[in-house]
Amino acid sequence: PPKQQQQQQQPHQAGRNKPSRWDRGGKDNDASASGGQQQQRRDRPVANNVVPPEKDYYGPRKRARNDDSQSSSHQKRPAWGKEELPDEEEEETPVGDVQKPDFGLSGALASDAQTGNMYNGVVLKFSEPPEARTPNTRWRLYVFKKTDAKKEGDLLEVLHIAKQSAYLFGRDETVADVRANHPSLSKQHCVLQYRALQNKETGKLQCRPYLMDLGSTNGTFLNGVKIDDARYYELLKGDVITLGFSSREYVLLTENTTTAS
């Protein structure tokens, strides 16, 4: 066998003048004995306290390992049933590169101006929808001040509301298109928005006025009924708009029209 051939190539221990019976090349007085007797002699202890080299007889004492396994022998074994995850190297942050607080402009107001929510330095409570259009119909708002429930109010002014796509009602003179100074009204109370939507009957686009309350404190009323905020309500010719506790009435009509008919 290969193990016995290795024993022949290695030098004998000091003080041995002739090969021992453990070597294949040594002379054994019982060489002519049967194979069973040879196996029995190999199991006997060696005479004269001569023991064959431990490395050749028992094989290597430790299990052979690669260079990588020797360098990583100190690593901990993963817990049972858990996946072994690679060790994360901690990044050292230099002391001199610590980011200081920045108190400059963040650009939030510029982004609002780009999206249409900014006007005259004030953030608006609404954004015009994609279907916003300037109407071809010359709409008018007739403003009346009602003093008595049984009598008709006096005409105060006529507002031309067909030059742009939206009109903002409120107390803030910086952004309000229709200014109302009553203390019960909000700075941005409601908005009249023109929208071009498809007509269900004809299938053509038709630009119509809509009213939306902007979360006002005392509400917006359409024909005496309070409307919900953040919701569009279509307006028709002859509709009456009132704001909060104000006595003013805004009647929606068209050019050269004095009645709803």
Protein backbone atom coordinates (compact mmCIF):
# COMPACT_ATOMS: atom_id res chain seq x y z
CA PRO A 1 0.00 0.00 0.00
CA PRO A 2 1.02 3.70 -0.39
CA LYS A 3 1.49 4.11 3.37
CA GLN A 4 4.07 1.33 3.51
CA GLN A 5 5.89 2.73 0.47
CA GLN A 6 6.26 6.07 2.28
CA GLN A 7 7.77 4.25 5.24
CA GLN A 8 10.44 2.72 3.00
CA GLN A 9 11.51 6.14 1.64
CA GLN A 10 11.91 7.79 5.09
CA PRO A 11 15.18 7.26 7.03
CA HIS A 12 15.14 4.91 10.04
CA GLN A 13 15.36 6.24 13.51
CA ALA A 14 18.71 6.67 15.22
CA GLY A 15 20.13 3.57 16.91
CA ARG A 16 18.48 1.11 14.48
CA ASN A 17 20.98 -0.82 12.40
CA LYS A 18 18.43 -2.76 10.43
CA PRO A 19 14.85 -2.20 9.29
CA SER A 20 12.16 -3.09 11.78
CA ARG A 21 9.45 -5.62 11.25
CA TRP A 22 7.05 -2.71 10.60
CA ASP A 23 8.86 -1.80 7.37
CA ARG A 24 7.94 -3.61 4.21
CA GLY A 25 11.60 -4.14 3.30
CA GLY A 26 12.60 -5.59 6.71
CA LYS A 27 13.23 -9.31 7.16
CA ASP A 28 10.72 -11.10 9.28
CA ASN A 29 11.53 -14.53 10.69
CA ASP A 30 7.90 -15.51 10.22
CA ALA A 31 7.67 -14.28 6.60
CA SER A 32 6.50 -17.67 5.49
CA ALA A 33 3.54 -17.62 7.90
CA SER A 34 0.00 -17.13 6.75
CA GLY A 35 -1.68 -13.74 6.21
CA GLY A 36 -3.67 -14.05 9.45
CA GLN A 37 -0.49 -14.45 11.50
CA GLN A 38 1.09 -11.38 9.83
CA GLN A 39 -1.92 -9.29 10.74
CA GLN A 40 -1.71 -10.56 14.35
CA ARG A 41 1.98 -9.56 14.62
CA ARG A 42 1.20 -6.02 13.40
CA ASP A 43 -1.20 -5.56 16.29
CA ARG A 44 1.43 -6.56 18.89
CA PRO A 45 3.42 -3.86 20.71
CA VAL A 46 6.81 -3.01 19.28
CA ALA A 47 9.82 -4.48 21.08
CA ASN A 48 12.62 -2.38 22.60
CA ASN A 49 10.22 0.58 23.02
CA VAL A 50 10.56 1.50 19.34
CA VAL A 51 7.41 3.19 18.02
CA PRO A 52 6.96 4.00 14.34
CA PRO A 53 6.66 7.66 13.42
CA GLU A 54 3.25 8.91 14.57
CA LYS A 55 2.77 11.06 11.47
CA ASP A 56 3.17 8.11 9.10
CA TYR A 57 1.20 5.61 11.18
CA TYR A 58 -1.81 7.62 12.31
CA GLY A 59 -1.88 10.16 9.52
CA PRO A 60 -2.00 13.95 9.99
CA ARG A 61 -3.11 15.06 13.45
CA LYS A 62 -5.09 18.09 12.25
CA ARG A 63 -7.47 18.49 9.37
CA ALA A 64 -5.93 20.21 6.35
CA ARG A 65 -7.24 23.74 5.76
CA ASN A 66 -6.85 26.36 3.09
CA ASP A 67 -5.22 29.70 3.68
CA ASP A 68 -8.62 31.43 3.57
CA SER A 69 -10.09 29.17 6.23
CA GLN A 70 -7.06 29.71 8.49
CA SER A 71 -7.40 33.49 8.31
CA SER A 72 -11.12 33.39 9.06
CA SER A 73 -10.96 30.76 11.82
CA HIS A 74 -11.79 33.40 14.44
CA GLN A 75 -15.20 34.17 12.90
CA LYS A 76 -18.30 33.16 14.81
CA ARG A 77 -20.55 30.47 13.52
CA PRO A 78 -24.12 31.48 12.55
CA ALA A 79 -26.95 30.59 14.90
CA TRP A 80 -29.00 27.51 14.09
CA GLY A 81 -31.76 28.25 11.60
CA LYS A 82 -30.46 31.74 10.76
CA GLU A 83 -28.82 32.80 7.55
CA GLU A 84 -25.22 33.85 7.82
CA LEU A 85 -24.90 37.49 6.84
CA PRO A 86 -21.65 39.15 5.82
CA ASP A 87 -20.12 41.45 8.38
CA GLU A 88 -20.77 45.09 7.60
CA GLU A 89 -17.77 47.31 7.73
CA GLU A 90 -18.34 50.44 9.77
CA GLU A 91 -17.59 53.57 7.85
CA GLU A 92 -15.54 56.05 9.77
CA THR A 93 -16.71 59.62 9.24
CA PRO A 94 -13.93 62.15 9.40
CA VAL A 95 -14.40 64.72 12.12
CA GLY A 96 -13.65 67.62 9.79
CA ASP A 97 -16.34 66.65 7.21
CA VAL A 98 -19.35 66.95 9.53
CA GLN A 99 -22.18 68.67 7.66
CA LYS A 100 -23.20 71.98 9.19
CA PRO A 101 -26.85 73.15 9.34
CA ASP A 102 -27.99 75.07 6.29
CA PHE A 103 -30.35 77.96 6.95
CA GLY A 104 -30.56 79.07 3.33
CA LEU A 105 -33.55 78.98 0.99
CA SER A 106 -34.96 75.48 0.43
CA GLY A 107 -36.67 76.29 -2.87
CA ALA A 108 -40.13 75.26 -1.63
CA LEU A 109 -41.68 78.59 -2.61
CA ALA A 110 -40.13 78.38 -6.06
CA SER A 111 -41.64 74.94 -6.60
CA ASP A 112 -45.06 76.27 -5.60
CA ALA A 113 -44.67 79.09 -8.10
CA GLN A 114 -43.85 76.58 -10.83
CA THR A 115 -46.88 74.38 -10.10
CA GLY A 116 -49.26 77.37 -9.98
CA ASN A 117 -49.93 77.42 -6.20
CA MET A 118 -48.06 80.70 -5.68
CA TYR A 119 -49.41 84.15 -6.49
CA ASN A 120 -47.98 87.51 -5.37
CA GLY A 121 -45.92 85.76 -2.69
CA VAL A 122 -48.94 84.00 -1.16
CA VAL A 123 -49.58 80.27 -1.34
CA LEU A 124 -53.04 79.66 -2.78
CA LYS A 125 -55.43 77.10 -1.34
CA PHE A 126 -56.29 75.70 -4.75
CA SER A 127 -54.69 74.71 -8.05
CA GLU A 128 -56.40 75.07 -11.37
CA PRO A 129 -57.31 71.72 -12.98
CA PRO A 130 -55.96 70.64 -16.38
CA GLU A 131 -59.33 71.36 -17.98
CA ALA A 132 -59.26 75.03 -16.92
CA ARG A 133 -60.15 77.36 -19.81
CA THR A 134 -61.06 80.98 -20.43
CA PRO A 135 -64.74 81.11 -21.45
CA ASN A 136 -66.09 82.48 -24.71
CA THR A 137 -69.38 83.43 -23.07
CA ARG A 138 -69.31 86.85 -21.44
CA TRP A 139 -70.41 86.04 -17.93
CA ARG A 140 -71.34 88.74 -15.42
CA LEU A 141 -71.85 88.91 -11.68
CA TYR A 142 -74.47 91.38 -10.54
CA VAL A 143 -73.84 92.35 -6.93
CA PHE A 144 -76.87 93.28 -4.82
CA LYS A 145 -77.10 94.34 -1.20
CA LYS A 146 -80.14 92.88 0.43
CA THR A 147 -81.59 94.98 3.27
CA ASP A 148 -85.08 93.51 3.58
CA ALA A 149 -86.28 89.98 2.89
CA LYS A 150 -89.45 91.22 1.21
CA LYS A 151 -87.80 93.82 -0.99
CA GLU A 152 -85.26 93.52 -3.73
CA GLY A 153 -81.76 94.70 -2.92
CA ASP A 154 -79.96 97.60 -4.48
CA LEU A 155 -77.56 96.97 -7.34
CA LEU A 156 -74.07 97.86 -6.18
CA GLU A 157 -71.85 96.87 -9.11
CA VAL A 158 -71.44 94.55 -12.10
CA LEU A 159 -68.37 92.32 -12.25
CA HIS A 160 -67.02 91.13 -15.62
CA ILE A 161 -65.76 87.61 -14.98
CA ALA A 162 -64.88 86.31 -18.46
CA LYS A 163 -61.30 87.55 -18.85
CA GLN A 164 -59.52 84.70 -17.02
CA SER A 165 -60.08 81.06 -16.10
CA ALA A 166 -60.58 81.50 -12.34
CA TYR A 167 -61.71 84.16 -9.87
CA LEU A 168 -60.85 84.03 -6.17
CA PHE A 169 -63.22 85.49 -3.53
CA GLY A 170 -61.85 86.61 -0.14
CA ARG A 171 -60.58 89.31 2.18
CA ASP A 172 -56.91 89.08 1.19
CA GLU A 173 -56.44 91.98 -1.23
CA THR A 174 -53.09 90.56 -2.36
CA VAL A 175 -54.57 87.51 -4.10
CA ALA A 176 -58.37 88.01 -4.15
CA ASP A 177 -59.90 88.78 -7.56
CA VAL A 178 -63.28 89.57 -6.00
CA ARG A 179 -62.55 91.33 -2.73
CA ALA A 180 -65.09 91.03 0.10
CA ASN A 181 -64.37 92.89 3.34
CA HIS A 182 -67.02 91.37 5.57
CA PRO A 183 -65.44 90.11 8.86
CA SER A 184 -67.23 86.74 8.61
CA LEU A 185 -65.36 85.85 5.40
CA SER A 186 -62.00 84.09 5.09
CA LYS A 187 -58.93 85.46 3.36
CA GLN A 188 -59.37 82.86 0.61
CA HIS A 189 -63.06 82.04 0.82
CA CYS A 190 -64.11 80.39 -2.46
CA VAL A 191 -63.21 80.28 -6.14
CA LEU A 192 -65.20 80.47 -9.36
CA GLN A 193 -63.47 78.14 -11.84
CA TYR A 194 -64.17 77.69 -15.57
CA ARG A 195 -63.79 74.11 -16.81
CA ALA A 196 -64.03 72.74 -20.35
CA LEU A 197 -65.71 69.34 -20.10
CA GLN A 198 -67.31 67.07 -22.66
CA ASN A 199 -71.04 67.39 -23.07
CA LYS A 200 -72.77 64.03 -22.61
CA GLU A 201 -75.44 64.79 -25.22
CA THR A 202 -73.39 66.40 -28.01
CA GLY A 203 -69.95 64.98 -27.18
CA LYS A 204 -68.31 68.40 -27.62
CA LEU A 205 -66.28 70.37 -25.10
CA GLN A 206 -68.25 73.03 -23.32
CA CYS A 207 -66.75 75.61 -20.96
CA ARG A 208 -68.94 76.12 -17.90
CA PRO A 209 -68.50 77.98 -14.57
CA TYR A 210 -68.09 76.00 -11.33
CA LEU A 211 -68.01 77.10 -7.69
CA MET A 212 -65.82 75.57 -4.95
CA ASP A 213 -65.52 76.48 -1.28
CA LEU A 214 -61.93 76.62 0.02
CA GLY A 215 -62.59 75.45 3.57
CA SER A 216 -63.96 78.81 4.73
CA THR A 217 -64.96 79.36 8.34
CA ASN A 218 -68.59 80.37 7.76
CA GLY A 219 -69.23 78.60 4.47
CA THR A 220 -70.39 79.38 0.94
CA PHE A 221 -74.06 79.23 -0.07
CA LEU A 222 -75.54 78.50 -3.48
CA ASN A 223 -79.18 79.54 -3.79
CA GLY A 224 -79.42 79.55 0.00
CA VAL A 225 -77.89 76.04 0.45
CA LYS A 226 -74.47 75.60 2.00
CA ILE A 227 -72.07 73.69 -0.26
CA ASP A 228 -69.31 71.31 0.76
CA ASP A 229 -65.72 72.45 0.61
CA ALA A 230 -63.15 71.16 -1.91
CA ARG A 231 -65.89 70.15 -4.35
CA TYR A 232 -66.97 71.69 -7.65
CA TYR A 233 -70.62 72.74 -8.15
CA GLU A 234 -71.78 73.67 -11.64
CA LEU A 235 -73.35 77.11 -11.92
CA LEU A 236 -76.31 78.00 -14.09
CA LYS A 237 -77.62 81.30 -15.32
CA GLY A 238 -79.52 83.05 -12.54
CA ASP A 239 -77.82 81.28 -9.59
CA VAL A 240 -77.30 83.36 -6.45
CA ILE A 241 -74.07 83.12 -4.42
CA THR A 242 -73.77 84.35 -0.83
CA LEU A 243 -70.71 84.23 1.41
CA GLY A 244 -70.74 83.74 5.19
CA PHE A 245 -72.95 86.25 6.99
CA SER A 246 -72.50 88.92 4.36
CA SER A 247 -75.64 90.63 3.04
CA ARG A 248 -74.26 90.79 -0.51
CA GLU A 249 -75.70 88.57 -3.20
CA TYR A 250 -73.82 87.64 -6.38
CA VAL A 251 -76.19 86.82 -9.25
CA LEU A 252 -74.65 85.02 -12.23
CA LEU A 253 -75.90 86.29 -15.62
CA THR A 254 -74.55 86.85 -19.12
CA GLU A 255 -74.05 89.97 -21.21
CA ASN A 256 -77.21 91.97 -22.02
CA THR A 257 -79.23 89.86 -19.61
CA THR A 258 -81.04 91.26 -16.63
CA THR A 259 -83.09 88.19 -15.64
CA ALA A 260 -82.44 84.49 -15.34
CA SER A 261 -84.77 83.79 -18.28
